[in-house]
PDB file of N, CA and C in Angstrom:
ATOM      1  N   UNK A   1       2.497  -9.994  10.247  1.00  0.00           N
ATOM      2  CA  UNK A   1       2.916  -9.099   9.093  1.00  0.00           C
ATOM      3  C   UNK A   1       1.921  -7.845   9.247  1.00  0.00           C
ATOM      4  N   UNK A   2       2.556  -6.868   9.077  1.00  0.00           N
ATOM      5  CA  UNK A   2       1.808  -5.577   8.951  1.00  0.00           C
ATOM      6  C   UNK A   2       1.743  -4.947   7.585  1.00  0.00           C
ATOM      7  N   UNK A   3       0.726  -4.583   7.045  1.00  0.00           N
ATOM      8  CA  UNK A   3       0.644  -4.226   5.780  1.00  0.00           C
ATOM      9  C   UNK A   3      -0.167  -2.771   5.807  1.00  0.00           C
ATOM     10  N   UNK A   4       0.477  -1.792   5.170  1.00  0.00           N
ATOM     11  CA  UNK A   4      -0.085  -0.411   5.099  1.00  0.00           C
ATOM     12  C   UNK A   4      -0.097   0.027   3.778  1.00  0.00           C
ATOM     13  N   UNK A   5      -1.246   0.656   3.395  1.00  0.00           N
ATOM     14  CA  UNK A   5      -1.518   1.348   2.112  1.00  0.00           C
ATOM     15  C   UNK A   5      -1.498   2.858   2.347  1.00  0.00           C
ATOM     16  N   UNK A   6      -0.299   3.455   1.649  1.00  0.00           N
ATOM     17  CA  UNK A   6      -0.377   4.950   1.841  1.00  0.00           C
ATOM     18  C   UNK A   6      -1.280   5.492   0.715  1.00  0.00           C
ATOM     19  N   UNK A   7      -2.436   6.188   0.763  1.00  0.00           N
ATOM     20  CA  UNK A   7      -3.460   6.518   0.026  1.00  0.00           C
ATOM     21  C   UNK A   7      -3.668   8.011  -0.090  1.00  0.00           C
ATOM     22  N   UNK A   8      -4.329   8.341  -1.004  1.00  0.00           N
ATOM     23  CA  UNK A   8      -4.808   9.772  -1.239  1.00  0.00           C
ATOM     24  C   UNK A   8      -6.413   9.575  -1.671  1.00  0.00           C
ATOM     25  N   UNK A   9      -7.050  10.706  -1.338  1.00  0.00           N
ATOM     26  CA  UNK A   9      -8.607  10.572  -1.668  1.00  0.00           C
ATOM     27  C   UNK A   9      -8.897  10.230  -3.205  1.00  0.00           C
ATOM     28  N   UNK A  10      -9.763   9.471  -3.491  1.00  0.00           N
ATOM     29  CA  UNK A  10      -9.983   9.135  -4.805  1.00  0.00           C
ATOM     30  C   UNK A  10      -8.796   8.446  -5.683  1.00  0.00           C
ATOM     31  N   UNK A  11      -8.150   7.855  -5.004  1.00  0.00           N
ATOM     32  CA  UNK A  11      -7.036   7.062  -5.630  1.00  0.00           C
ATOM     33  C   UNK A  11      -7.436   5.732  -6.253  1.00  0.00           C
ATOM     34  N   UNK A  12      -7.556   5.457  -7.569  1.00  0.00           N
ATOM     35  CA  UNK A  12      -8.081   4.327  -8.096  1.00  0.00           C
ATOM     36  C   UNK A  12      -7.272   3.206  -8.059  1.00  0.00           C
ATOM     37  N   UNK A  13      -5.881   3.465  -8.013  1.00  0.00           N
ATOM     38  CA  UNK A  13      -4.890   2.515  -7.845  1.00  0.00           C
ATOM     39  C   UNK A  13      -4.976   1.933  -6.508  1.00  0.00           C
ATOM     40  N   UNK A  14      -5.309   2.824  -5.394  1.00  0.00           N
ATOM     41  CA  UNK A  14      -5.260   2.212  -4.104  1.00  0.00           C
ATOM     42  C   UNK A  14      -6.498   1.125  -4.042  1.00  0.00           C
ATOM     43  N   UNK A  15      -7.505   1.448  -4.638  1.00  0.00           N
ATOM     44  CA  UNK A  15      -8.748   0.761  -4.629  1.00  0.00           C
ATOM     45  C   UNK A  15      -8.304  -0.804  -5.258  1.00  0.00           C
ATOM     46  N   UNK A  16      -7.718  -0.660  -6.299  1.00  0.00           N
ATOM     47  CA  UNK A  16      -7.183  -1.899  -6.919  1.00  0.00           C
ATOM     48  C   UNK A  16      -6.430  -2.851  -5.921  1.00  0.00           C
ATOM     49  N   UNK A  17      -5.311  -2.050  -5.288  1.00  0.00           N
ATOM     50  CA  UNK A  17      -4.638  -2.854  -4.318  1.00  0.00           C
ATOM     51  C   UNK A  17      -5.399  -3.344  -3.179  1.00  0.00           C
ATOM     52  N   UNK A  18      -6.358  -2.559  -2.542  1.00  0.00           N
ATOM     53  CA  UNK A  18      -7.260  -2.942  -1.567  1.00  0.00           C
ATOM     54  C   UNK A  18      -8.109  -4.323  -1.894  1.00  0.00           C
ATOM     55  N   UNK A  19      -8.468  -4.171  -3.369  1.00  0.00           N
ATOM     56  CA  UNK A  19      -9.250  -5.370  -3.653  1.00  0.00           C
ATOM     57  C   UNK A  19      -8.413  -6.617  -3.939  1.00  0.00           C
ATOM     58  N   UNK A  20      -7.030  -6.537  -4.160  1.00  0.00           N
ATOM     59  CA  UNK A  20      -6.158  -7.600  -4.364  1.00  0.00           C
ATOM     60  C   UNK A  20      -5.989  -8.092  -2.916  1.00  0.00           C
ATOM     61  N   UNK A  21      -5.789  -7.179  -2.003  1.00  0.00           N
ATOM     62  CA  UNK A  21      -5.435  -7.760  -0.648  1.00  0.00           C
ATOM     63  C   UNK A  21      -6.555  -8.436   0.049  1.00  0.00           C
ATOM     64  N   UNK A  22      -7.743  -7.822  -0.244  1.00  0.00           N
ATOM     65  CA  UNK A  22      -9.115  -8.439   0.318  1.00  0.00           C
ATOM     66  C   UNK A  22      -9.171  -9.796  -0.325  1.00  0.00           C
ATOM     67  N   UNK A  23      -8.746 -10.080  -1.628  1.00  0.00           N
ATOM     68  CA  UNK A  23      -8.927 -11.289  -2.252  1.00  0.00           C
ATOM     69  C   UNK A  23      -7.948 -12.256  -1.562  1.00  0.00           C
ATOM     70  N   UNK A  24      -6.877 -11.792  -1.187  1.00  0.00           N
ATOM     71  CA  UNK A  24      -5.710 -12.629  -0.487  1.00  0.00           C
ATOM     72  C   UNK A  24      -6.039 -12.819   0.906  1.00  0.00           C
ATOM     73  N   UNK A  25      -7.246 -12.116   1.472  1.00  0.00           N
ATOM     74  CA  UNK A  25      -7.576 -12.164   2.930  1.00  0.00           C
ATOM     75  C   UNK A  25      -6.454 -11.683   3.922  1.00  0.00           C
ATOM     76  N   UNK A  26      -5.786 -10.626   3.321  1.00  0.00           N
ATOM     77  CA  UNK A  26      -4.723  -9.902   3.889  1.00  0.00           C
ATOM     78  C   UNK A  26      -5.200  -8.633   4.629  1.00  0.00           C
ATOM     79  N   UNK A  27      -4.907  -8.526   5.970  1.00  0.00           N
ATOM     80  CA  UNK A  27      -5.445  -7.302   6.684  1.00  0.00           C
ATOM     81  C   UNK A  27      -4.434  -6.207   6.343  1.00  0.00           C
ATOM     82  N   UNK A  28      -5.026  -5.093   6.287  1.00  0.00           N
ATOM     83  CA  UNK A  28      -4.167  -3.899   6.156  1.00  0.00           C
ATOM     84  C   UNK A  28      -4.641  -2.699   6.710  1.00  0.00           C
ATOM     85  N   UNK A  29      -3.872  -1.536   6.743  1.00  0.00           N
ATOM     86  CA  UNK A  29      -4.195  -0.351   7.334  1.00  0.00           C
ATOM     87  C   UNK A  29      -4.127   0.710   6.250  1.00  0.00           C
ATOM     88  N   UNK A  30      -5.222   1.594   6.178  1.00  0.00           N
ATOM     89  CA  UNK A  30      -5.087   2.619   5.092  1.00  0.00           C
ATOM     90  C   UNK A  30      -4.653   3.830   5.833  1.00  0.00           C
ATOM     91  N   UNK A  31      -3.619   4.653   5.276  1.00  0.00           N
ATOM     92  CA  UNK A  31      -3.157   5.615   5.750  1.00  0.00           C
ATOM     93  C   UNK A  31      -3.217   6.986   4.694  1.00  0.00           C
ATOM     94  N   UNK A  32      -4.151   7.750   5.075  1.00  0.00           N
ATOM     95  CA  UNK A  32      -4.395   8.973   3.984  1.00  0.00           C
ATOM     96  C   UNK A  32      -3.046   9.844   4.143  1.00  0.00           C
ATOM     97  N   UNK A  33      -2.408  10.123   3.217  1.00  0.00           N
ATOM     98  CA  UNK A  33      -1.123  10.757   3.357  1.00  0.00           C
ATOM     99  C   UNK A  33      -1.498  12.282   3.276  1.00  0.00           C
ATOM    100  N   UNK A  34      -2.706  12.741   2.823  1.00  0.00           N
ATOM    101  CA  UNK A  34      -3.086  14.017   2.947  1.00  0.00           C
ATOM    102  C   UNK A  34      -3.411  14.642   4.287  1.00  0.00           C
ATOM    103  N   UNK A  35      -3.853  13.553   5.272  1.00  0.00           N
ATOM    104  CA  UNK A  35      -4.071  13.794   6.551  1.00  0.00           C
ATOM    105  C   UNK A  35      -2.753  13.611   7.355  1.00  0.00           C
ATOM    106  N   UNK A  36      -2.042  12.799   6.902  1.00  0.00           N
ATOM    107  CA  UNK A  36      -0.751  12.302   7.629  1.00  0.00           C
ATOM    108  C   UNK A  36       0.503  12.761   6.948  1.00  0.00           C
ATOM    109  N   UNK A  37       0.715  14.014   6.567  1.00  0.00           N
ATOM    110  CA  UNK A  37       1.773  14.364   5.630  1.00  0.00           C
ATOM    111  C   UNK A  37       3.214  13.920   6.336  1.00  0.00           C
ATOM    112  N   UNK A  38       3.287  13.675   7.736  1.00  0.00           N
ATOM    113  CA  UNK A  38       4.554  13.348   8.322  1.00  0.00           C
ATOM    114  C   UNK A  38       5.010  12.127   7.897  1.00  0.00           C
ATOM    115  N   UNK A  39       4.096  11.168   7.340  1.00  0.00           N
ATOM    116  CA  UNK A  39       4.411   9.709   6.913  1.00  0.00           C
ATOM    117  C   UNK A  39       5.277   9.840   5.760  1.00  0.00           C
ATOM    118  N   UNK A  40       5.227  10.993   5.041  1.00  0.00           N
ATOM    119  CA  UNK A  40       6.087  11.178   3.755  1.00  0.00           C
ATOM    120  C   UNK A  40       7.431  11.302   4.131  1.00  0.00           C
ATOM    121  N   UNK A  41       7.780  11.612   5.381  1.00  0.00           N
ATOM    122  CA  UNK A  41       9.255  11.856   5.859  1.00  0.00           C
ATOM    123  C   UNK A  41       9.937  10.428   6.000  1.00  0.00           C
ATOM    124  N   UNK A  42       9.111   9.333   6.286  1.00  0.00           N
ATOM    125  CA  UNK A  42       9.537   8.002   6.548  1.00  0.00           C
ATOM    126  C   UNK A  42       9.417   7.264   5.186  1.00  0.00           C
ATOM    127  N   UNK A  43       8.501   7.521   4.431  1.00  0.00           N
ATOM    128  CA  UNK A  43       8.303   6.748   3.175  1.00  0.00           C
ATOM    129  C   UNK A  43       7.999   7.951   2.062  1.00  0.00           C
ATOM    130  N   UNK A  44       8.975   8.371   1.518  1.00  0.00           N
ATOM    131  CA  UNK A  44       8.795   9.498   0.413  1.00  0.00           C
ATOM    132  C   UNK A  44       8.330   8.955  -0.933  1.00  0.00           C
ATOM    133  N   UNK A  45       6.974   8.864  -0.969  1.00  0.00           N
ATOM    134  CA  UNK A  45       6.441   8.337  -2.271  1.00  0.00           C
ATOM    135  C   UNK A  45       6.167   9.458  -3.148  1.00  0.00           C
ATOM    136  N   UNK A  46       6.121   9.483  -4.474  1.00  0.00           N
ATOM    137  CA  UNK A  46       5.723  10.591  -5.217  1.00  0.00           C
ATOM    138  C   UNK A  46       4.508  10.275  -5.996  1.00  0.00           C
ATOM    139  N   UNK A  47       3.968   9.022  -5.923  1.00  0.00           N
ATOM    140  CA  UNK A  47       2.708   8.571  -6.489  1.00  0.00           C
ATOM    141  C   UNK A  47       2.026   7.570  -5.457  1.00  0.00           C
ATOM    142  N   UNK A  48       0.742   7.590  -5.337  1.00  0.00           N
ATOM    143  CA  UNK A  48      -0.104   6.584  -4.609  1.00  0.00           C
ATOM    144  C   UNK A  48      -0.590   5.559  -5.486  1.00  0.00           C
ATOM    145  N   UNK A  49      -0.586   4.370  -4.994  1.00  0.00           N
ATOM    146  CA  UNK A  49      -0.451   3.913  -3.510  1.00  0.00           C
ATOM    147  C   UNK A  49       0.812   3.612  -3.396  1.00  0.00           C
ATOM    148  N   UNK A  50       1.306   3.777  -2.070  1.00  0.00           N
ATOM    149  CA  UNK A  50       2.658   3.344  -1.526  1.00  0.00           C
ATOM    150  C   UNK A  50       2.235   1.952  -0.655  1.00  0.00           C
ATOM    151  N   UNK A  51       3.003   0.956  -0.695  1.00  0.00           N
ATOM    152  CA  UNK A  51       2.496  -0.435  -0.058  1.00  0.00           C
ATOM    153  C   UNK A  51       3.840  -0.611   0.842  1.00  0.00           C
ATOM    154  N   UNK A  52       3.441  -0.576   2.112  1.00  0.00           N
ATOM    155  CA  UNK A  52       4.511  -0.707   3.192  1.00  0.00           C
ATOM    156  C   UNK A  52       4.176  -2.144   3.780  1.00  0.00           C
ATOM    157  N   UNK A  53       5.076  -3.046   3.934  1.00  0.00           N
ATOM    158  CA  UNK A  53       5.126  -4.233   4.547  1.00  0.00           C
ATOM    159  C   UNK A  53       6.090  -4.512   5.553  1.00  0.00           C
ATOM    160  N   UNK A  54       5.637  -4.761   6.823  1.00  0.00           N
ATOM    161  CA  UNK A  54       6.646  -4.923   8.022  1.00  0.00           C
ATOM    162  C   UNK A  54       7.577  -3.707   7.958  1.00  0.00           C
ATOM    163  N   UNK A  55       7.088  -2.405   7.954  1.00  0.00           N
ATOM    164  CA  UNK A  55       7.921  -1.280   7.860  1.00  0.00           C
ATOM    165  C   UNK A  55       8.709  -0.837   6.804  1.00  0.00           C
ATOM    166  N   UNK A  56       8.808  -1.719   5.666  1.00  0.00           N
ATOM    167  CA  UNK A  56       9.462  -1.269   4.640  1.00  0.00           C
ATOM    168  C   UNK A  56       8.768  -0.835   3.345  1.00  0.00           C
ATOM    169  N   UNK A  57       8.871   0.130   2.663  1.00  0.00           N
ATOM    170  CA  UNK A  57       8.251   0.500   1.630  1.00  0.00           C
ATOM    171  C   UNK A  57       8.596  -0.361   0.366  1.00  0.00           C
ATOM    172  N   UNK A  58       7.615  -1.330   0.122  1.00  0.00           N
ATOM    173  CA  UNK A  58       7.794  -2.239  -0.929  1.00  0.00           C
ATOM    174  C   UNK A  58       7.341  -2.013  -2.329  1.00  0.00           C
ATOM    175  N   UNK A  59       6.467  -1.043  -2.363  1.00  0.00           N
ATOM    176  CA  UNK A  59       5.945  -0.802  -3.702  1.00  0.00           C
ATOM    177  C   UNK A  59       5.498   0.680  -3.939  1.00  0.00           C
ATOM    178  N   UNK A  60       5.472   1.341  -5.028  1.00  0.00           N
ATOM    179  CA  UNK A  60       5.142   2.664  -5.265  1.00  0.00           C
ATOM    180  C   UNK A  60       4.185   2.351  -6.383  1.00  0.00           C
ATOM    181  N   UNK A  61       3.037   2.694  -6.457  1.00  0.00           N
ATOM    182  CA  UNK A  61       2.132   2.436  -7.547  1.00  0.00           C
ATOM    183  C   UNK A  61       1.489   1.047  -7.460  1.00  0.00           C
ATOM    184  N   UNK A  62       0.733   0.477  -8.475  1.00  0.00           N
ATOM    185  CA  UNK A  62       0.131  -0.724  -8.238  1.00  0.00           C
ATOM    186  C   UNK A  62       1.037  -1.951  -8.760  1.00  0.00           C
ATOM    187  N   UNK A  63       1.279  -2.856  -8.035  1.00  0.00           N
ATOM    188  CA  UNK A  63       2.083  -3.955  -8.562  1.00  0.00           C
ATOM    189  C   UNK A  63       1.117  -5.095  -9.039  1.00  0.00           C
ATOM    190  N   UNK A  64       1.743  -5.897  -9.778  1.00  0.00           N
ATOM    191  CA  UNK A  64       0.939  -6.966 -10.344  1.00  0.00           C
ATOM    192  C   UNK A  64       0.613  -8.056  -9.006  1.00  0.00           C
ATOM    193  N   UNK A  65      -0.568  -8.554  -9.275  1.00  0.00           N
ATOM    194  CA  UNK A  65      -0.949  -9.544  -8.064  1.00  0.00           C
ATOM    195  C   UNK A  65       0.203 -10.466  -7.721  1.00  0.00           C
ATOM    196  N   UNK A  66       0.889 -10.998  -8.877  1.00  0.00           N
ATOM    197  CA  UNK A  66       1.870 -12.051  -8.732  1.00  0.00           C
ATOM    198  C   UNK A  66       2.964 -11.382  -7.781  1.00  0.00           C
ATOM    199  N   UNK A  67       3.420 -10.061  -8.172  1.00  0.00           N
ATOM    200  CA  UNK A  67       4.468  -9.503  -7.187  1.00  0.00           C
ATOM    201  C   UNK A  67       4.075  -9.358  -5.842  1.00  0.00           C
ATOM    202  N   UNK A  68       2.815  -8.949  -5.716  1.00  0.00           N
ATOM    203  CA  UNK A  68       2.232  -8.699  -4.389  1.00  0.00           C
ATOM    204  C   UNK A  68       2.180  -9.896  -3.589  1.00  0.00           C
ATOM    205  N   UNK A  69       1.789 -11.054  -4.269  1.00  0.00           N
ATOM    206  CA  UNK A  69       1.764 -12.236  -3.616  1.00  0.00           C
ATOM    207  C   UNK A  69       2.963 -12.816  -3.209  1.00  0.00           C
ATOM    208  N   UNK A  70       4.064 -12.600  -4.078  1.00  0.00           N
ATOM    209  CA  UNK A  70       5.370 -12.916  -3.720  1.00  0.00           C
ATOM    210  C   UNK A  70       5.885 -12.217  -2.445  1.00  0.00           C
ATOM    211  N   UNK A  71       5.673 -11.056  -2.433  1.00  0.00           N
ATOM    212  CA  UNK A  71       6.378 -10.292  -1.217  1.00  0.00           C
ATOM    213  C   UNK A  71       5.540 -10.516   0.153  1.00  0.00           C
ATOM    214  N   UNK A  72       4.265 -11.027  -0.040  1.00  0.00           N
ATOM    215  CA  UNK A  72       3.586 -11.422   1.100  1.00  0.00           C
ATOM    216  C   UNK A  72       3.648 -12.880   1.506  1.00  0.00           C
ATOM    217  N   UNK A  73       4.351 -13.478   0.661  1.00  0.00           N
ATOM    218  CA  UNK A  73       4.719 -14.993   0.857  1.00  0.00           C
ATOM    219  C   UNK A  73       3.330 -15.785   0.639  1.00  0.00           C
ATOM    220  N   UNK A  74       2.541 -15.514  -0.248  1.00  0.00           N
ATOM    221  CA  UNK A  74       1.230 -15.993  -0.571  1.00  0.00           C
ATOM    222  C   UNK A  74       1.503 -17.065  -1.629  1.00  0.00           C
TER     223      UNK A  74
END
């Protein structure tokens, strides 16, 4: 399973998602959309974080831990 967090500098919601994933022992990749604007062509998010799981944009914004666990099969 590949998890990516589409983030922006100083994104507090992104930090919450990172903390949830760390608590679940899920590895993830951070992608700063300000340094990688082309990623927005594939995943057109209007607010950070965007959470991509196995190539599909699953969440925009901060999901509940329950929703995130369900999507990750935890």
